[in-house]
């Protein structure tokens, strides 16, 4: 038993490191925004760093990417939008509200799994759907309009990031035969390209790159290196622990984000938002058991 626990410890540490990094990474992106580097540009630059590291360090496997066909493209697009929308949401919105909307992903996962994988909705699936919807309603309820909707663009982006994250997860499960390296490279490539499009369109041009200072480049490089590292450590962990165990660990991201958003920028949730968020977190916790081995 001690040997088994010793083998699982690195996997748990890998997942925990991912939760911690994602709970704090909003802050360097926000620092870049305050320094005049937009969320779109910082996303493009940081994921370009990740892509470059992947091409150099993950070996020649990327040359076989064409074997993944259209599926790799769809996986890359889903996760690419997730990454871009997430950065823009946490830069411009309230971190905890954005993250809680993102954590509605299990709700969308149930629907996508039914559609793309043919999985039937179990009793636990109904519980997840009900808890997620109830939590979102409690958190988002507007006393003046009575509609439980996101209140600004950043929150809509956070919601869409969770939606596309769920789609990416289901597509990745459907393409389980594809090499993890190819999936990772497609995600990093599409994350960069999706951020590049608005830059080329002139809404937030690449010309701003010339104005980046040395410390800005160091911050971009640091973000890129961190994203590359946690991608590998999280994939290592996911392959070695059950989905229900991983779901518990990933919820630590909310704890980290709550602490850092309060400490660094003074953000606080209302009691009603805490209640709705707790219901969403509980639904996310239950969702891990949907994939628990029988």
Protein backbone atom coordinates (compact mmCIF):
# COMPACT_ATOMS: atom_id res chain seq x y z
CA UNK A 1 0.00 0.00 0.00
CA UNK A 2 2.84 2.39 0.81
CA UNK A 3 4.45 1.67 -2.56
CA UNK A 4 1.17 2.39 -4.39
CA UNK A 5 0.78 5.67 -2.51
CA UNK A 6 4.37 6.62 -3.35
CA UNK A 7 3.65 6.06 -7.04
CA UNK A 8 0.46 8.13 -6.89
CA UNK A 9 2.08 11.05 -5.06
CA UNK A 10 3.80 12.52 -8.18
CA UNK A 11 0.49 12.28 -10.09
CA UNK A 12 -1.39 14.11 -7.36
CA UNK A 13 1.40 16.70 -7.18
CA UNK A 14 1.12 17.22 -10.94
CA UNK A 15 -2.63 17.85 -10.77
CA UNK A 16 -2.26 20.08 -7.74
CA UNK A 17 0.41 22.15 -9.48
CA UNK A 18 -2.00 22.67 -12.38
CA UNK A 19 -4.75 23.84 -10.02
CA UNK A 20 -2.39 26.26 -8.30
CA UNK A 21 -1.00 27.72 -11.53
CA UNK A 22 -4.47 28.20 -13.04
CA UNK A 23 -5.57 29.82 -9.79
CA UNK A 24 -2.87 32.49 -10.01
CA UNK A 25 -2.09 32.87 -13.71
CA UNK A 26 -4.80 35.50 -14.13
CA UNK A 27 -2.60 37.93 -12.21
CA UNK A 28 0.42 38.10 -14.56
CA UNK A 29 -2.00 38.44 -17.48
CA UNK A 30 -3.63 41.34 -15.67
CA UNK A 31 -0.22 42.91 -14.99
CA UNK A 32 0.50 42.76 -18.70
CA UNK A 33 -2.86 44.42 -19.42
CA UNK A 34 -2.00 47.22 -17.00
CA UNK A 35 1.35 47.61 -18.77
CA UNK A 36 -0.45 48.16 -22.08
CA UNK A 37 -0.28 44.58 -23.41
CA UNK A 38 -3.83 43.55 -24.25
CA UNK A 39 -5.26 40.17 -23.29
CA UNK A 40 -5.40 39.17 -26.95
CA UNK A 41 -1.76 40.04 -27.55
CA UNK A 42 -0.53 38.44 -24.32
CA UNK A 43 -2.48 35.26 -25.18
CA UNK A 44 -0.88 35.14 -28.63
CA UNK A 45 2.61 35.72 -27.28
CA UNK A 46 2.40 33.33 -24.34
CA UNK A 47 0.93 30.47 -26.36
CA UNK A 48 3.49 31.09 -29.07
CA UNK A 49 6.13 30.50 -26.39
CA UNK A 50 4.35 27.29 -25.35
CA UNK A 51 4.14 26.14 -28.97
CA UNK A 52 7.82 26.84 -29.57
CA UNK A 53 8.79 24.90 -26.45
CA UNK A 54 6.57 22.03 -27.55
CA UNK A 55 8.06 21.86 -31.03
CA UNK A 56 11.59 21.87 -29.62
CA UNK A 57 11.18 19.62 -26.58
CA UNK A 58 8.49 17.11 -27.50
CA UNK A 59 10.43 15.56 -30.35
CA UNK A 60 9.52 14.92 -33.99
CA UNK A 61 6.03 13.61 -33.19
CA UNK A 62 4.49 16.88 -34.36
CA UNK A 63 5.42 15.98 -37.94
CA UNK A 64 2.76 13.27 -37.83
CA UNK A 65 0.04 15.76 -36.88
CA UNK A 66 -1.69 15.31 -40.23
CA UNK A 67 -2.62 11.77 -39.15
CA UNK A 68 -5.03 13.26 -36.64
CA UNK A 69 -7.02 14.75 -39.47
CA UNK A 70 -10.02 16.93 -38.77
CA UNK A 71 -10.35 15.73 -35.17
CA UNK A 72 -7.12 17.44 -34.15
CA UNK A 73 -8.41 20.65 -35.72
CA UNK A 74 -11.66 20.51 -33.75
CA UNK A 75 -9.87 19.70 -30.51
CA UNK A 76 -7.47 22.59 -31.10
CA UNK A 77 -10.30 25.00 -31.88
CA UNK A 78 -12.29 24.02 -28.78
CA UNK A 79 -9.39 24.35 -26.37
CA UNK A 80 -7.96 27.31 -28.28
CA UNK A 81 -11.14 29.31 -27.70
CA UNK A 82 -11.15 28.11 -24.09
CA UNK A 83 -7.69 29.56 -23.52
CA UNK A 84 -8.31 32.87 -25.29
CA UNK A 85 -11.73 33.45 -23.70
CA UNK A 86 -10.40 32.50 -20.26
CA UNK A 87 -7.57 35.04 -20.43
CA UNK A 88 -9.84 37.84 -21.66
CA UNK A 89 -12.43 37.00 -19.00
CA UNK A 90 -10.05 37.02 -16.02
CA UNK A 91 -8.30 40.17 -17.27
CA UNK A 92 -11.51 42.18 -17.59
CA UNK A 93 -13.89 40.51 -15.13
CA UNK A 94 -14.18 39.51 -11.49
CA UNK A 95 -11.93 36.48 -11.17
CA UNK A 96 -14.12 34.31 -8.93
CA UNK A 97 -17.36 34.95 -10.82
CA UNK A 98 -15.58 34.14 -14.09
CA UNK A 99 -14.11 30.94 -12.66
CA UNK A 100 -17.42 29.79 -11.22
CA UNK A 101 -19.08 30.30 -14.60
CA UNK A 102 -16.21 28.36 -16.16
CA UNK A 103 -16.87 25.55 -13.68
CA UNK A 104 -20.29 25.03 -15.22
CA UNK A 105 -18.30 22.85 -17.65
CA UNK A 106 -19.70 19.59 -16.16
CA UNK A 107 -23.18 20.70 -17.16
CA UNK A 108 -22.11 21.06 -20.79
CA UNK A 109 -20.06 17.86 -20.60
CA UNK A 110 -23.19 15.81 -19.88
CA UNK A 111 -24.87 17.20 -23.02
CA UNK A 112 -21.84 16.84 -25.28
CA UNK A 113 -21.18 13.29 -24.05
CA UNK A 114 -24.77 12.37 -24.92
CA UNK A 115 -24.47 13.92 -28.37
CA UNK A 116 -20.95 12.90 -29.41
CA UNK A 117 -20.32 9.73 -27.40
CA UNK A 118 -23.83 8.35 -27.11
CA UNK A 119 -23.66 8.28 -23.31
CA UNK A 120 -27.02 8.10 -21.58
CA UNK A 121 -27.84 10.51 -18.78
CA UNK A 122 -27.64 8.63 -15.49
CA UNK A 123 -29.21 9.55 -12.18
CA UNK A 124 -25.95 11.21 -11.18
CA UNK A 125 -25.99 13.09 -14.47
CA UNK A 126 -29.38 14.56 -13.59
CA UNK A 127 -28.01 15.58 -10.19
CA UNK A 128 -25.08 17.37 -11.88
CA UNK A 129 -27.38 19.16 -14.31
CA UNK A 130 -29.75 20.20 -11.54
CA UNK A 131 -27.03 21.41 -9.17
CA UNK A 132 -25.21 23.32 -11.91
CA UNK A 133 -28.35 25.08 -13.12
CA UNK A 134 -29.51 25.85 -9.59
CA UNK A 135 -26.08 27.21 -8.63
CA UNK A 136 -25.91 29.39 -11.73
CA UNK A 137 -29.42 30.69 -11.08
CA UNK A 138 -28.61 31.59 -7.49
CA UNK A 139 -25.32 33.26 -8.40
CA UNK A 140 -26.52 35.14 -11.50
CA UNK A 141 -30.03 36.15 -10.44
CA UNK A 142 -30.75 39.82 -11.17
CA UNK A 143 -33.32 41.26 -8.74
CA UNK A 144 -34.26 43.97 -11.24
CA UNK A 145 -34.80 41.72 -14.26
CA UNK A 146 -35.27 38.30 -12.69
CA UNK A 147 -33.02 36.73 -15.33
CA UNK A 148 -30.07 34.53 -14.27
CA UNK A 149 -27.65 35.73 -16.96
CA UNK A 150 -24.01 36.88 -16.95
CA UNK A 151 -23.90 40.60 -16.33
CA UNK A 152 -21.08 41.65 -18.69
CA UNK A 153 -18.89 40.56 -21.57
CA UNK A 154 -16.18 39.09 -19.35
CA UNK A 155 -18.67 36.76 -17.70
CA UNK A 156 -20.08 35.66 -21.05
CA UNK A 157 -16.51 34.87 -22.08
CA UNK A 158 -15.98 32.84 -18.91
CA UNK A 159 -19.18 30.93 -19.60
CA UNK A 160 -18.14 30.27 -23.21
CA UNK A 161 -14.69 29.13 -22.06
CA UNK A 162 -16.29 26.48 -19.84
CA UNK A 163 -18.60 25.43 -22.68
CA UNK A 164 -15.72 24.94 -25.11
CA UNK A 165 -13.59 23.29 -22.44
CA UNK A 166 -16.33 20.69 -22.02
CA UNK A 167 -16.49 20.17 -25.78
CA UNK A 168 -12.71 19.81 -25.96
CA UNK A 169 -12.73 17.22 -23.17
CA UNK A 170 -15.40 15.13 -24.89
CA UNK A 171 -13.65 15.37 -28.27
CA UNK A 172 -10.38 14.37 -26.64
CA UNK A 173 -12.06 11.32 -25.11
CA UNK A 174 -13.51 10.42 -28.50
CA UNK A 175 -10.02 10.65 -30.00
CA UNK A 176 -8.36 8.65 -27.23
CA UNK A 177 -6.16 6.89 -29.80
CA UNK A 178 -4.40 10.12 -30.77
CA UNK A 179 -1.00 10.88 -29.25
CA UNK A 180 -1.23 13.30 -26.30
CA UNK A 181 1.68 15.26 -27.78
CA UNK A 182 -0.23 15.86 -31.00
CA UNK A 183 -3.31 16.99 -29.08
CA UNK A 184 -1.20 19.36 -26.98
CA UNK A 185 0.53 20.84 -30.01
CA UNK A 186 -2.77 21.36 -31.83
CA UNK A 187 -4.16 23.14 -28.76
CA UNK A 188 -1.16 25.45 -28.46
CA UNK A 189 -1.15 26.17 -32.20
CA UNK A 190 -4.86 27.02 -32.36
CA UNK A 191 -4.64 29.08 -29.17
CA UNK A 192 -2.02 31.22 -30.87
CA UNK A 193 -3.85 31.43 -34.19
CA UNK A 194 -7.21 32.37 -32.66
CA UNK A 195 -5.52 35.21 -30.79
CA UNK A 196 -3.63 36.23 -33.92
CA UNK A 197 -6.77 36.76 -36.01
CA UNK A 198 -8.07 39.87 -34.19
CA UNK A 199 -4.51 41.21 -34.09
CA UNK A 200 -4.22 40.93 -37.89
CA UNK A 201 -7.69 42.45 -38.26
CA UNK A 202 -6.34 45.62 -36.68
CA UNK A 203 -8.55 45.68 -33.59
CA UNK A 204 -5.52 45.26 -31.38
CA UNK A 205 -2.56 45.24 -33.75
CA UNK A 206 0.77 43.48 -33.56
CA UNK A 207 2.45 46.88 -33.63
CA UNK A 208 2.19 46.94 -29.84
CA UNK A 209 4.92 44.28 -29.70
CA UNK A 210 7.50 46.97 -30.45
CA UNK A 211 6.55 48.75 -27.25
CA UNK A 212 7.08 45.78 -24.96
CA UNK A 213 9.71 46.31 -22.28
CA UNK A 214 12.21 43.75 -21.05
CA UNK A 215 10.13 42.94 -17.98
CA UNK A 216 7.07 42.42 -20.19
CA UNK A 217 8.94 39.86 -22.27
CA UNK A 218 10.13 38.10 -19.11
CA UNK A 219 6.54 37.91 -17.87
CA UNK A 220 5.33 36.51 -21.21
CA UNK A 221 8.14 33.94 -21.21
CA UNK A 222 7.35 32.98 -17.63
CA UNK A 223 3.66 32.48 -18.41
CA UNK A 224 4.53 30.39 -21.46
CA UNK A 225 6.97 28.20 -19.54
CA UNK A 226 4.43 27.69 -16.75
CA UNK A 227 1.67 26.73 -19.20
CA UNK A 228 3.97 24.27 -20.96
CA UNK A 229 5.04 22.66 -17.68
CA UNK A 230 1.56 22.27 -16.23
CA UNK A 231 0.21 20.82 -19.47
CA UNK A 232 2.68 17.97 -19.12
CA UNK A 233 2.27 17.51 -15.36
CA UNK A 234 -1.53 17.56 -15.56
CA UNK A 235 -1.55 15.01 -18.41
CA UNK A 236 0.78 12.83 -16.33
CA UNK A 237 -1.56 13.07 -13.35
CA UNK A 238 -4.76 12.44 -15.30
CA UNK A 239 -3.33 9.19 -16.65
CA UNK A 240 -2.67 7.88 -13.12
CA UNK A 241 -5.60 8.89 -10.89
CA UNK A 242 -9.33 8.36 -11.17
CA UNK A 243 -11.49 11.11 -12.62
CA UNK A 244 -13.29 11.58 -9.30
CA UNK A 245 -9.97 12.08 -7.49
CA UNK A 246 -8.81 14.55 -10.15
CA UNK A 247 -12.07 16.51 -9.82
CA UNK A 248 -11.45 17.01 -6.11
CA UNK A 249 -7.90 18.23 -6.73
CA UNK A 250 -8.89 20.63 -9.50
CA UNK A 251 -11.39 22.33 -7.22
CA UNK A 252 -8.39 23.66 -5.31
CA UNK A 253 -8.10 26.18 -8.15
CA UNK A 254 -11.17 27.93 -6.76
CA UNK A 255 -9.57 28.15 -3.32
CA UNK A 256 -6.37 29.61 -4.76
CA UNK A 257 -8.28 32.06 -6.97
CA UNK A 258 -10.48 33.19 -4.07
CA UNK A 259 -7.44 33.88 -1.91
CA UNK A 260 -5.36 35.61 -4.59
CA UNK A 261 -8.21 37.73 -5.97
CA UNK A 262 -8.98 38.93 -2.44
CA UNK A 263 -5.34 39.50 -1.50
CA UNK A 264 -4.15 41.15 -4.71
CA UNK A 265 -7.18 43.08 -5.99
CA UNK A 266 -9.65 43.06 -3.10
CA UNK A 267 -12.41 41.12 -4.82
CA UNK A 268 -15.10 39.59 -2.58
CA UNK A 269 -18.17 37.50 -3.38
CA UNK A 270 -21.54 38.21 -1.80
CA UNK A 271 -23.17 35.48 0.35
CA UNK A 272 -25.56 34.69 -2.50
CA UNK A 273 -22.64 34.30 -4.92
CA UNK A 274 -20.85 32.03 -2.44
CA UNK A 275 -23.97 29.84 -2.17
CA UNK A 276 -24.36 29.57 -5.94
CA UNK A 277 -20.65 28.95 -6.35
CA UNK A 278 -20.71 26.18 -3.73
CA UNK A 279 -23.50 24.44 -5.65
CA UNK A 280 -21.53 24.68 -8.90
CA UNK A 281 -18.40 23.37 -7.19
CA UNK A 282 -20.37 20.46 -5.73
CA UNK A 283 -21.71 19.59 -9.19
CA UNK A 284 -18.14 19.66 -10.52
CA UNK A 285 -17.09 17.36 -7.69
CA UNK A 286 -19.82 14.86 -8.53
CA UNK A 287 -18.95 14.98 -12.23
CA UNK A 288 -15.70 13.12 -11.66
CA UNK A 289 -17.66 10.01 -10.67
CA UNK A 290 -19.26 9.85 -14.10
CA UNK A 291 -15.99 8.43 -15.42
CA UNK A 292 -15.01 6.40 -12.37
CA UNK A 293 -14.01 2.86 -13.36
CA UNK A 294 -16.58 0.23 -12.50
